[in-house]
Protein backbone atom coordinates (compact mmCIF):
# COMPACT_ATOMS: atom_id res chain seq x y z
CA MET A 1 20.79 22.86 0.08
CA THR A 2 22.96 25.11 -1.03
CA LEU A 3 21.41 28.49 -1.07
CA PRO A 4 20.97 31.70 -3.84
CA LEU A 5 23.62 33.47 -2.52
CA GLN A 6 25.47 31.12 -0.26
CA GLY A 7 29.53 32.92 0.93
CA ARG A 8 28.50 36.49 -1.85
CA HIS A 9 29.66 39.42 0.16
CA ILE A 10 26.86 41.66 -0.23
CA ALA A 11 27.75 44.78 1.55
CA VAL A 12 24.22 47.40 1.79
CA LEU A 13 24.17 50.32 1.67
CA MET A 14 21.57 52.12 4.75
CA GLY A 15 20.49 55.51 6.82
CA GLY A 16 22.71 57.71 4.58
CA LEU A 17 22.34 61.49 5.23
CA SER A 18 19.12 63.04 4.12
CA SER A 19 15.26 63.20 5.44
CA GLU A 20 14.70 59.68 3.94
CA ARG A 21 17.55 58.20 6.59
CA GLU A 22 14.46 56.00 8.79
CA ILE A 23 13.00 54.81 5.38
CA SER A 24 16.13 54.04 4.29
CA LEU A 25 16.76 52.23 7.51
CA SER A 26 13.90 50.19 7.49
CA THR A 27 13.82 49.13 4.19
CA GLY A 28 18.22 47.92 4.88
CA ARG A 29 16.81 45.67 7.66
CA GLY A 30 14.45 43.86 5.21
CA CYS A 31 17.30 43.85 3.07
CA ILE A 32 18.96 42.34 4.72
CA ALA A 33 16.85 39.38 5.97
CA ALA A 34 16.23 39.34 3.20
CA LEU A 35 20.02 38.19 1.70
CA GLU A 36 21.27 36.23 4.61
CA ARG A 37 17.71 33.83 4.31
CA LEU A 38 19.42 33.41 1.49
CA GLY A 39 22.43 32.60 2.62
CA ALA A 40 24.68 35.46 1.74
CA ARG A 41 27.04 37.19 4.16
CA VAL A 42 26.21 41.20 4.92
CA SER A 43 28.15 43.74 5.09
CA ALA A 44 25.53 46.45 7.15
CA ILE A 45 27.02 50.06 6.39
CA ASP A 46 25.89 53.39 7.75
CA ALA A 47 26.68 55.21 4.89
CA GLY A 48 28.22 59.28 5.59
CA ARG A 49 30.79 60.25 4.11
CA ASP A 50 33.67 58.25 4.65
CA ILE A 51 31.51 55.53 1.51
CA ALA A 52 34.11 55.17 -0.64
CA GLU A 53 36.79 54.42 2.18
CA VAL A 54 34.78 51.32 3.78
CA LEU A 55 33.76 50.17 0.94
CA THR A 56 37.58 49.36 -0.06
CA ARG A 57 38.05 47.87 2.96
CA LEU A 58 35.18 44.99 2.90
CA LYS A 59 35.84 44.36 -0.87
CA PRO A 60 31.88 43.43 -1.66
CA GLU A 61 30.41 41.35 -3.95
CA VAL A 62 28.28 43.56 -4.97
CA ALA A 63 26.41 46.55 -3.50
CA VAL A 64 22.64 46.52 -1.92
CA ASN A 65 21.14 50.23 -2.70
CA ALA A 66 18.89 50.79 -0.47
CA LEU A 67 20.13 54.42 0.03
CA HIS A 68 16.66 57.40 -0.22
CA GLY A 69 16.66 60.59 -0.62
CA VAL A 70 19.58 63.30 -1.69
CA TRP A 71 23.14 62.10 -2.10
CA GLY A 72 21.83 58.35 -1.98
CA GLU A 73 20.05 57.79 -4.93
CA ASP A 74 20.30 61.45 -7.03
CA GLY A 75 23.66 59.61 -8.24
CA THR A 76 26.38 60.77 -5.35
CA VAL A 77 26.41 57.33 -4.11
CA GLN A 78 26.01 55.71 -7.69
CA GLY A 79 28.98 57.37 -8.85
CA VAL A 80 31.12 56.10 -6.45
CA LEU A 81 30.18 52.40 -6.83
CA GLU A 82 31.23 53.57 -10.70
CA THR A 83 34.20 54.22 -9.76
CA LEU A 84 34.74 51.73 -7.40
CA GLN A 85 33.95 49.58 -9.73
CA VAL A 86 31.45 47.94 -7.18
CA PRO A 87 28.65 45.92 -8.71
CA TYR A 88 25.68 47.58 -7.70
CA THR A 89 21.56 48.06 -7.82
CA HIS A 90 18.88 50.05 -9.51
CA SER A 91 19.82 52.54 -11.41
CA GLY A 92 23.15 54.57 -12.76
CA VAL A 93 24.77 57.73 -12.40
CA LEU A 94 23.03 59.94 -14.89
CA ALA A 95 19.42 58.17 -14.71
CA SER A 96 19.17 59.19 -11.03
CA ALA A 97 20.50 61.99 -10.80
CA LEU A 98 17.48 62.84 -13.87
CA ALA A 99 15.22 60.99 -11.84
CA MET A 100 15.33 62.58 -8.78
CA ASP A 101 15.91 66.07 -10.23
CA LYS A 102 11.40 66.86 -10.59
CA ASN A 103 11.66 69.57 -12.98
CA LYS A 104 14.32 67.38 -15.96
CA SER A 105 12.02 64.26 -15.72
CA LYS A 106 9.60 66.10 -16.74
CA ALA A 107 10.11 67.22 -19.83
CA VAL A 108 12.29 63.73 -20.49
CA LEU A 109 8.56 61.93 -19.63
CA LYS A 110 6.45 65.14 -21.57
CA ALA A 111 8.92 64.29 -24.34
CA ALA A 112 8.88 60.47 -24.45
CA GLY A 113 4.96 61.10 -24.21
CA VAL A 114 3.65 60.88 -21.13
CA LYS A 115 1.23 62.91 -19.22
CA VAL A 116 2.83 65.04 -16.78
CA PRO A 117 1.36 68.25 -14.37
CA GLY A 118 1.95 71.52 -16.16
CA GLY A 119 3.53 74.14 -13.47
CA GLY A 120 7.03 74.81 -12.81
CA LEU A 121 10.44 75.96 -10.60
CA TYR A 122 9.81 78.65 -8.63
CA ASP A 123 11.57 80.60 -5.22
CA ARG A 124 10.59 79.39 -2.80
CA PHE A 125 10.26 83.33 -1.09
CA GLU A 126 8.37 84.30 -4.28
CA ALA A 127 6.39 81.19 -4.02
CA ALA A 128 5.48 82.79 0.38
CA ARG A 129 4.59 85.46 -0.55
CA GLU A 130 1.79 85.62 -3.76
CA HIS A 131 0.44 83.00 -5.41
CA VAL A 132 2.65 81.70 -8.50
CA LEU A 133 -0.35 79.88 -9.08
CA ALA A 134 -4.38 80.02 -9.18
CA PRO A 135 -5.09 77.18 -5.72
CA PRO A 136 -5.72 74.40 -5.35
CA TYR A 137 -1.78 73.36 -6.56
CA VAL A 138 0.78 71.69 -4.98
CA VAL A 139 4.55 72.76 -4.10
CA LYS A 140 6.80 70.55 -3.24
CA PRO A 141 10.70 69.99 -3.25
CA ASN A 142 12.16 69.97 -6.45
CA ALA A 143 14.43 67.12 -5.02
CA GLU A 144 13.11 65.16 -2.50
CA GLY A 145 11.07 61.63 -2.49
CA SER A 146 8.48 59.97 0.48
CA SER A 147 6.32 63.15 -0.02
CA VAL A 148 8.86 65.32 1.95
CA GLY A 149 7.88 69.13 2.43
CA VAL A 150 4.66 68.49 0.27
CA PHE A 151 2.32 71.68 0.70
CA ARG A 152 -1.47 71.46 -0.43
CA VAL A 153 -2.88 74.51 -1.35
CA PHE A 154 -6.44 74.76 -1.28
CA GLU A 155 -9.07 76.39 -3.12
CA GLY A 156 -10.33 79.96 -1.39
CA ALA A 157 -6.51 79.94 0.09
CA ASN A 158 -5.19 83.14 0.87
CA ARG A 159 -2.26 82.96 1.14
CA PRO A 160 0.19 80.66 -0.07
CA PRO A 161 2.37 78.22 2.71
CA GLU A 162 4.71 81.10 4.48
CA ALA A 163 7.22 77.99 6.66
CA LEU A 164 8.67 78.00 2.32
CA ALA A 165 10.32 81.31 3.86
CA SER A 166 11.80 79.86 6.99
CA ASP A 167 14.27 79.18 7.76
CA ALA A 168 14.37 75.81 8.85
CA TRP A 169 13.48 75.03 5.51
CA THR A 170 16.32 72.38 4.03
CA TYR A 171 14.81 71.13 0.18
CA GLY A 172 16.47 73.95 -1.40
CA ASP A 173 15.84 77.95 -3.26
CA LEU A 174 13.84 76.38 -5.85
CA VAL A 175 9.99 74.85 -5.63
CA MET A 176 8.05 72.07 -8.13
CA VAL A 177 4.56 74.63 -8.44
CA GLU A 178 1.73 72.60 -9.88
CA PRO A 179 -1.58 71.96 -10.52
CA TYR A 180 -3.73 70.54 -7.99
CA ILE A 181 -5.17 66.23 -9.78
CA ALA A 182 -8.13 65.52 -8.74
CA GLY A 183 -8.53 61.77 -8.09
CA ARG A 184 -7.56 58.49 -7.37
CA GLU A 185 -3.67 57.78 -6.07
CA LEU A 186 -2.05 54.57 -8.41
CA CYS A 187 1.18 53.38 -8.59
CA VAL A 188 2.63 50.86 -10.76
CA THR A 189 6.30 48.88 -9.92
CA VAL A 190 8.19 48.07 -12.47
CA LEU A 191 10.95 45.70 -13.00
CA GLY A 192 13.96 47.04 -15.70
CA GLU A 193 14.63 43.61 -16.82
CA PRO A 194 16.80 42.44 -20.31
CA ALA A 195 14.35 41.83 -23.00
CA GLY A 196 12.38 45.43 -21.28
CA PRO A 197 10.92 47.13 -18.42
CA ARG A 198 8.16 44.93 -17.10
CA ALA A 199 5.09 46.88 -15.08
CA LEU A 200 4.07 44.40 -12.84
CA ALA A 201 0.37 45.35 -11.10
CA VAL A 202 -0.87 48.90 -10.35
CA THR A 203 -2.73 49.69 -6.32
CA ASP A 204 -4.80 52.14 -5.86
CA ILE A 205 -3.94 53.58 -2.86
CA ILE A 206 -6.61 55.41 -0.56
CA ALA A 207 -4.49 57.43 2.46
CA ALA A 208 -6.38 57.82 6.03
CA THR A 209 -6.21 61.41 5.67
CA GLY A 210 -6.85 61.52 2.14
CA PHE A 211 -3.44 63.08 1.11
CA TYR A 212 -0.98 60.30 0.15
CA ASP A 213 1.74 61.59 2.00
CA TYR A 214 4.87 60.84 4.74
CA GLU A 215 2.62 59.41 7.36
CA ALA A 216 0.47 57.95 5.04
CA LYS A 217 3.13 55.94 3.59
CA TYR A 218 5.11 54.26 6.38
CA ALA A 219 2.70 54.90 9.09
CA GLU A 220 0.92 51.12 9.79
CA GLY A 221 -1.94 52.46 9.42
CA GLY A 222 -1.78 55.19 7.23
CA SER A 223 -3.47 54.44 3.99
CA ARG A 224 -5.11 51.45 2.45
CA HIS A 225 -3.54 49.53 -0.34
CA ILE A 226 -6.32 47.86 -3.09
CA LEU A 227 -3.81 45.65 -5.23
CA PRO A 228 -5.56 45.05 -7.50
CA ALA A 229 -6.88 48.74 -8.70
CA GLN A 230 -11.13 48.20 -8.93
CA GLN A 231 -10.81 50.32 -11.89
CA PRO A 232 -12.27 50.12 -16.25
CA ALA A 233 -8.91 47.10 -17.62
CA PRO A 234 -8.08 50.33 -20.25
CA VAL A 235 -7.00 52.22 -16.91
CA THR A 236 -4.52 49.93 -15.46
CA GLU A 237 -3.39 49.08 -19.40
CA ALA A 238 -2.70 52.33 -19.71
CA ALA A 239 -0.86 52.22 -16.11
CA MET A 240 1.03 49.99 -16.45
CA ARG A 241 2.58 51.28 -20.46
CA GLN A 242 3.25 54.34 -19.46
CA ALA A 243 5.02 53.52 -16.21
CA GLU A 244 6.99 50.93 -18.69
CA LEU A 245 7.56 54.05 -20.94
CA ALA A 246 8.92 56.13 -18.15
CA HIS A 247 11.59 54.38 -16.58
CA ALA A 248 13.21 53.65 -20.66
CA ALA A 249 12.36 57.67 -21.40
CA LEU A 250 14.03 58.52 -17.91
CA GLY A 251 16.90 55.37 -18.71
CA CYS A 252 16.47 53.33 -15.46
CA ARG A 253 17.56 49.95 -14.07
CA GLY A 254 16.42 47.30 -12.11
CA LEU A 255 13.32 48.10 -9.67
CA THR A 256 11.77 50.92 -9.97
CA ARG A 257 7.46 52.48 -8.95
CA SER A 258 5.67 54.99 -11.01
CA ASP A 259 3.10 56.84 -9.37
CA PHE A 260 -0.22 58.32 -11.14
CA ARG A 261 -3.11 60.63 -10.39
CA TYR A 262 -5.58 59.12 -11.97
CA ASP A 263 -9.31 61.76 -12.06
CA ASP A 264 -11.82 59.21 -13.74
CA LEU A 265 -14.61 61.86 -14.13
CA LYS A 266 -11.81 63.66 -16.83
CA ASP A 267 -10.57 60.23 -17.27
CA ASP A 268 -7.31 61.89 -17.18
CA LEU A 269 -4.34 60.20 -16.01
CA VAL A 270 -1.30 61.71 -14.81
CA LEU A 271 2.52 60.62 -13.65
CA LEU A 272 2.87 62.67 -11.16
CA GLU A 273 6.99 61.42 -10.47
CA LEU A 274 9.07 58.10 -11.15
CA ASN A 275 11.05 56.91 -7.34
CA ASN A 276 14.57 55.06 -8.82
CA GLN A 277 14.67 53.61 -5.62
CA PRO A 278 11.62 52.14 -4.04
CA GLY A 279 11.16 51.64 -0.42
CA MET A 280 11.00 48.03 0.78
CA THR A 281 9.05 48.43 4.65
CA PRO A 282 7.27 47.01 6.23
CA THR A 283 4.13 49.31 4.77
CA SER A 284 5.79 49.58 0.84
CA LEU A 285 4.36 49.18 -2.58
CA ALA A 286 6.79 47.43 -4.19
CA PRO A 287 7.68 43.95 -2.79
CA GLU A 288 3.90 44.79 -2.07
CA GLN A 289 2.64 44.06 -5.86
CA ALA A 290 6.33 41.80 -6.39
CA ALA A 291 4.31 39.64 -3.32
CA HIS A 292 0.49 39.54 -6.18
CA VAL A 293 2.57 38.39 -9.22
CA GLY A 294 4.72 35.19 -7.42
CA MET A 295 7.56 37.25 -6.93
CA ASP A 296 7.48 37.29 -2.15
CA TYR A 297 10.50 39.45 -1.30
CA ASP A 298 13.85 37.41 -1.17
CA ALA A 299 12.65 36.41 -4.76
CA LEU A 300 12.90 40.09 -5.26
CA VAL A 301 15.74 40.62 -3.30
CA LEU A 302 17.79 37.65 -4.90
CA TRP A 303 16.59 38.88 -8.72
CA MET A 304 18.61 42.38 -7.69
CA VAL A 305 21.22 41.23 -6.38
CA GLU A 306 21.00 39.26 -9.96
CA ASP A 307 20.62 42.34 -11.52
CA ALA A 308 23.61 44.43 -9.84
CA SER A 309 26.06 45.90 -12.67
CA CYS A 310 28.31 48.81 -12.72
CA ARG A 311 28.00 51.17 -16.37
CA ARG A 312 24.42 51.29 -15.26
């Protein structure tokens, strides 16, 4: 029996230089196992600054970009792949850079008709000295993923997070400060298909700690996924259409995941951010939603490879 990727040489870019390195390695391992089951000859690349040299030597047919965070997800590695003319998965240079910059992506999404939080960019030292918004609010890096470096400031808090002014802060001097939005955490995976973006499902996330942070996303038992989300049909429809609109507005390709907050008391749906390279780990939402609509993990990875291209 001939396997779907029999004999094809696929490189998996994983690890990398960002704070999300460990999650990327987990995503990469999952993709490698699937590609091998599909018959591919896989080159696993722990991506470093010599990535162009490594790819030139290996000459893969396709690169599965399993990197997360800055450098691997923000258009930088995508530019290397374009230069070398290696077809790759997920979004291209511009869409990747735009999606990774929370401030710029919010402006584009708002102009396209997607409801996003208020707030804006502030100097981290200013945000550490005094409340730049009335509590409750959220502070997060402008260009990180996986809820890295996120702080919640509750109503009645006397001071903002002092860690913002620490020498240990490595996420840039500008931080995004947004009003805290109460409600349920909803996530929607989108496949960028030729006929247009297709939302798969809506998952309701219940975090063990009450906050969908790094540990809740990736630690075993950190969160409970309700799939499909138990909510009125109009809310499900609205979340799926807004996720498709966000994917298209940012010019994304391949696989994306949009994260929403839904306040059922106010019937208010707000898109927090779009992740243009969602995780493919054992606890990740994208493969879980794909399986829910009949596309198992291997089929999703095969779809990603077949969708790969340059000039994305």
